[in-house]
Amino acid sequence: MYIYPEHLKAKATMWLWQLRDLTIIGIGALFSVFAAAQTGILIPALLTASYAFLTIHFEDTSILDFISYACAYFFRQQLFIWRITE
């Protein structure tokens, strides 16, 4: 018997990121190091760090998803219907 979440249908994850995100973060980190060494510009490192922070996953929800849900809750119009039930 093999123990794997959701019968081999779950996305592959490592630590707090999905493997696709870890690949993008790794490539971004390499590019950031080369850019900082050649030009001294730290903007790619900041972009890579912000992407790494926003793609952290907790129980199938990333921080970016949570922020978008919070913005939708606070900035979209909500409709409340009050009724008297008998």
N, C-alpha and C. Protein backbone atom coordinates (compact mmCIF):
# COMPACT_ATOMS: atom_id res chain seq x y z
N MET A 1 0.85 -1.17 0.00
CA MET A 1 0.00 0.00 0.00
C MET A 1 0.90 1.24 0.00
N TYR A 2 0.60 2.15 -0.91
CA TYR A 2 1.35 3.39 -0.99
C TYR A 2 0.56 4.51 -0.31
N ILE A 3 1.26 5.34 0.42
CA ILE A 3 0.60 6.45 1.10
C ILE A 3 0.92 7.72 0.32
N TYR A 4 -0.06 8.25 -0.35
CA TYR A 4 0.08 9.48 -1.12
C TYR A 4 -1.25 10.21 -1.06
N PRO A 5 -1.23 11.52 -0.89
CA PRO A 5 -2.50 12.24 -0.73
C PRO A 5 -3.40 12.18 -1.97
N GLU A 6 -4.65 12.01 -1.73
CA GLU A 6 -5.70 12.08 -2.74
C GLU A 6 -5.49 11.13 -3.92
N HIS A 7 -5.01 9.95 -3.66
CA HIS A 7 -4.90 8.89 -4.66
C HIS A 7 -4.16 9.35 -5.93
N LEU A 8 -3.00 9.92 -5.76
CA LEU A 8 -2.11 10.37 -6.84
C LEU A 8 -2.69 11.50 -7.69
N LYS A 9 -3.68 12.21 -7.20
CA LYS A 9 -4.25 13.32 -7.95
C LYS A 9 -3.84 14.67 -7.36
N ALA A 10 -3.12 14.69 -6.27
CA ALA A 10 -2.68 15.94 -5.65
C ALA A 10 -1.48 16.50 -6.40
N LYS A 11 -1.34 17.81 -6.36
CA LYS A 11 -0.19 18.45 -6.99
C LYS A 11 1.06 18.20 -6.15
N ALA A 12 2.18 18.03 -6.83
CA ALA A 12 3.43 17.78 -6.12
C ALA A 12 3.88 19.04 -5.41
N THR A 13 4.20 18.90 -4.13
CA THR A 13 4.62 20.05 -3.34
C THR A 13 5.92 19.71 -2.61
N MET A 14 6.67 20.74 -2.31
CA MET A 14 7.87 20.60 -1.50
C MET A 14 7.91 21.79 -0.56
N TRP A 15 8.02 21.53 0.71
CA TRP A 15 7.95 22.55 1.75
C TRP A 15 6.63 23.29 1.65
N LEU A 16 6.64 24.57 1.37
CA LEU A 16 5.41 25.34 1.32
C LEU A 16 5.00 25.74 -0.09
N TRP A 17 5.71 25.24 -1.11
CA TRP A 17 5.45 25.64 -2.49
C TRP A 17 5.17 24.41 -3.34
N GLN A 18 4.47 24.63 -4.44
CA GLN A 18 4.34 23.59 -5.44
C GLN A 18 5.64 23.53 -6.22
N LEU A 19 5.92 22.41 -6.85
CA LEU A 19 7.21 22.25 -7.54
C LEU A 19 7.36 23.22 -8.71
N ARG A 20 6.26 23.57 -9.36
CA ARG A 20 6.33 24.56 -10.44
C ARG A 20 6.79 25.89 -9.89
N ASP A 21 6.26 26.28 -8.75
CA ASP A 21 6.65 27.55 -8.14
C ASP A 21 8.10 27.51 -7.67
N LEU A 22 8.54 26.37 -7.14
CA LEU A 22 9.94 26.26 -6.73
C LEU A 22 10.89 26.39 -7.91
N THR A 23 10.49 25.85 -9.06
CA THR A 23 11.32 25.98 -10.25
C THR A 23 11.43 27.44 -10.67
N ILE A 24 10.32 28.15 -10.68
CA ILE A 24 10.33 29.57 -11.05
C ILE A 24 11.14 30.38 -10.05
N ILE A 25 11.01 30.07 -8.76
CA ILE A 25 11.77 30.78 -7.73
C ILE A 25 13.26 30.51 -7.89
N GLY A 26 13.64 29.28 -8.18
CA GLY A 26 15.05 28.94 -8.39
C GLY A 26 15.66 29.66 -9.58
N ILE A 27 14.93 29.68 -10.70
CA ILE A 27 15.42 30.38 -11.89
C ILE A 27 15.49 31.88 -11.62
N GLY A 28 14.49 32.41 -10.93
CA GLY A 28 14.51 33.83 -10.58
C GLY A 28 15.65 34.17 -9.64
N ALA A 29 15.96 33.27 -8.70
CA ALA A 29 17.07 33.51 -7.78
C ALA A 29 18.40 33.52 -8.52
N LEU A 30 18.58 32.58 -9.46
CA LEU A 30 19.81 32.58 -10.26
C LEU A 30 19.94 33.86 -11.08
N PHE A 31 18.87 34.25 -11.73
CA PHE A 31 18.88 35.49 -12.51
C PHE A 31 19.16 36.70 -11.62
N SER A 32 18.59 36.70 -10.42
CA SER A 32 18.79 37.81 -9.49
C SER A 32 20.24 37.91 -9.05
N VAL A 33 20.86 36.76 -8.78
CA VAL A 33 22.27 36.76 -8.37
C VAL A 33 23.15 37.27 -9.50
N PHE A 34 22.90 36.81 -10.72
CA PHE A 34 23.70 37.27 -11.86
C PHE A 34 23.49 38.76 -12.12
N ALA A 35 22.26 39.22 -12.01
CA ALA A 35 21.98 40.64 -12.24
C ALA A 35 22.62 41.50 -11.16
N ALA A 36 22.59 41.03 -9.92
CA ALA A 36 23.20 41.80 -8.83
C ALA A 36 24.72 41.82 -8.96
N ALA A 37 25.30 40.71 -9.42
CA ALA A 37 26.75 40.66 -9.56
C ALA A 37 27.24 41.52 -10.73
N GLN A 38 26.48 41.54 -11.82
CA GLN A 38 26.93 42.27 -12.99
C GLN A 38 26.60 43.76 -12.93
N THR A 39 25.40 44.09 -12.46
CA THR A 39 24.96 45.49 -12.52
C THR A 39 24.73 46.11 -11.15
N GLY A 40 24.58 45.30 -10.13
CA GLY A 40 24.30 45.82 -8.80
C GLY A 40 22.85 46.17 -8.58
N ILE A 41 21.97 45.81 -9.50
CA ILE A 41 20.54 46.10 -9.38
C ILE A 41 19.88 44.98 -8.58
N LEU A 42 19.11 45.36 -7.57
CA LEU A 42 18.45 44.38 -6.71
C LEU A 42 16.97 44.20 -7.01
N ILE A 43 16.46 44.83 -8.04
CA ILE A 43 15.03 44.73 -8.37
C ILE A 43 14.63 43.29 -8.71
N PRO A 44 15.41 42.52 -9.49
CA PRO A 44 15.01 41.12 -9.72
C PRO A 44 14.95 40.29 -8.43
N ALA A 45 15.82 40.57 -7.48
CA ALA A 45 15.77 39.84 -6.21
C ALA A 45 14.50 40.19 -5.44
N LEU A 46 14.09 41.45 -5.48
CA LEU A 46 12.85 41.84 -4.80
C LEU A 46 11.64 41.20 -5.46
N LEU A 47 11.63 41.15 -6.79
CA LEU A 47 10.52 40.52 -7.51
C LEU A 47 10.45 39.02 -7.20
N THR A 48 11.62 38.37 -7.16
CA THR A 48 11.66 36.94 -6.86
C THR A 48 11.19 36.67 -5.43
N ALA A 49 11.62 37.49 -4.49
CA ALA A 49 11.21 37.32 -3.09
C ALA A 49 9.72 37.56 -2.92
N SER A 50 9.17 38.55 -3.62
CA SER A 50 7.73 38.79 -3.51
C SER A 50 6.94 37.66 -4.14
N TYR A 51 7.42 37.12 -5.27
CA TYR A 51 6.75 35.96 -5.87
C TYR A 51 6.80 34.76 -4.94
N ALA A 52 7.96 34.55 -4.30
CA ALA A 52 8.09 33.43 -3.37
C ALA A 52 7.14 33.58 -2.19
N PHE A 53 6.97 34.79 -1.70
CA PHE A 53 6.06 35.02 -0.58
C PHE A 53 4.60 34.81 -0.99
N LEU A 54 4.23 35.31 -2.16
CA LEU A 54 2.83 35.22 -2.59
C LEU A 54 2.40 33.82 -2.98
N THR A 55 3.35 32.94 -3.30
CA THR A 55 2.98 31.58 -3.74
C THR A 55 3.11 30.54 -2.63
N ILE A 56 3.31 30.96 -1.39
CA ILE A 56 3.32 30.00 -0.28
C ILE A 56 1.91 29.41 -0.16
N HIS A 57 1.84 28.09 -0.05
CA HIS A 57 0.55 27.40 0.02
C HIS A 57 0.32 26.83 1.41
N PHE A 58 -0.87 27.06 1.96
CA PHE A 58 -1.33 26.43 3.18
C PHE A 58 -2.65 25.77 2.86
N GLU A 59 -2.68 24.44 2.93
CA GLU A 59 -3.90 23.67 2.71
C GLU A 59 -4.62 24.07 1.43
N ASP A 60 -3.93 24.05 0.31
CA ASP A 60 -4.48 24.33 -1.03
C ASP A 60 -4.88 25.78 -1.25
N THR A 61 -4.46 26.70 -0.43
CA THR A 61 -4.73 28.12 -0.63
C THR A 61 -3.43 28.88 -0.50
N SER A 62 -3.10 29.64 -1.53
CA SER A 62 -1.88 30.43 -1.47
C SER A 62 -2.17 31.78 -0.83
N ILE A 63 -1.13 32.48 -0.49
CA ILE A 63 -1.30 33.81 0.11
C ILE A 63 -1.93 34.76 -0.91
N LEU A 64 -1.58 34.62 -2.18
CA LEU A 64 -2.18 35.45 -3.22
C LEU A 64 -3.68 35.18 -3.33
N ASP A 65 -4.10 33.92 -3.23
CA ASP A 65 -5.53 33.59 -3.22
C ASP A 65 -6.23 34.23 -2.03
N PHE A 66 -5.60 34.15 -0.86
CA PHE A 66 -6.20 34.73 0.34
C PHE A 66 -6.36 36.24 0.19
N ILE A 67 -5.36 36.92 -0.36
CA ILE A 67 -5.44 38.37 -0.56
C ILE A 67 -6.54 38.71 -1.55
N SER A 68 -6.65 37.93 -2.63
CA SER A 68 -7.71 38.21 -3.61
C SER A 68 -9.10 37.95 -3.02
N TYR A 69 -9.25 36.92 -2.18
CA TYR A 69 -10.53 36.67 -1.52
C TYR A 69 -10.88 37.80 -0.56
N ALA A 70 -9.88 38.29 0.17
CA ALA A 70 -10.12 39.38 1.11
C ALA A 70 -10.50 40.66 0.38
N CYS A 71 -9.84 40.96 -0.74
CA CYS A 71 -10.18 42.16 -1.51
C CYS A 71 -11.58 42.03 -2.10
N ALA A 72 -11.94 40.85 -2.57
CA ALA A 72 -13.28 40.65 -3.11
C ALA A 72 -14.33 40.81 -2.01
N TYR A 73 -14.03 40.38 -0.81
CA TYR A 73 -14.98 40.50 0.29
C TYR A 73 -15.16 41.95 0.70
N PHE A 74 -14.08 42.70 0.80
CA PHE A 74 -14.18 44.06 1.30
C PHE A 74 -14.53 45.10 0.24
N PHE A 75 -14.23 44.86 -1.01
CA PHE A 75 -14.41 45.90 -2.02
C PHE A 75 -15.52 45.63 -3.03
N ARG A 76 -16.16 44.49 -2.99
CA ARG A 76 -17.32 44.24 -3.85
C ARG A 76 -18.58 44.49 -3.06
N GLN A 77 -19.62 44.90 -3.78
CA GLN A 77 -20.89 45.15 -3.12
C GLN A 77 -21.51 43.83 -2.69
N GLN A 78 -22.01 43.82 -1.47
CA GLN A 78 -22.64 42.62 -0.95
C GLN A 78 -24.14 42.85 -0.82
N LEU A 79 -24.89 41.82 -1.03
CA LEU A 79 -26.34 41.91 -0.98
C LEU A 79 -26.85 41.08 0.19
N PHE A 80 -27.59 41.73 1.07
CA PHE A 80 -28.19 41.04 2.21
C PHE A 80 -29.71 41.15 2.08
N ILE A 81 -30.39 40.04 2.21
CA ILE A 81 -31.84 40.00 2.12
C ILE A 81 -32.38 39.57 3.49
N TRP A 82 -33.22 40.44 4.05
CA TRP A 82 -33.81 40.16 5.35
C TRP A 82 -35.26 39.74 5.14
N ARG A 83 -35.62 38.61 5.72
CA ARG A 83 -36.97 38.11 5.61
C ARG A 83 -37.45 37.64 6.97
N ILE A 84 -38.73 37.71 7.12
CA ILE A 84 -39.34 37.15 8.31
C ILE A 84 -39.88 35.77 7.93
N THR A 85 -39.40 34.76 8.60
CA THR A 85 -39.88 33.43 8.30
C THR A 85 -40.95 33.04 9.31
N GLU A 86 -41.95 32.38 8.82
CA GLU A 86 -43.07 32.00 9.69
C GLU A 86 -43.10 30.51 9.87
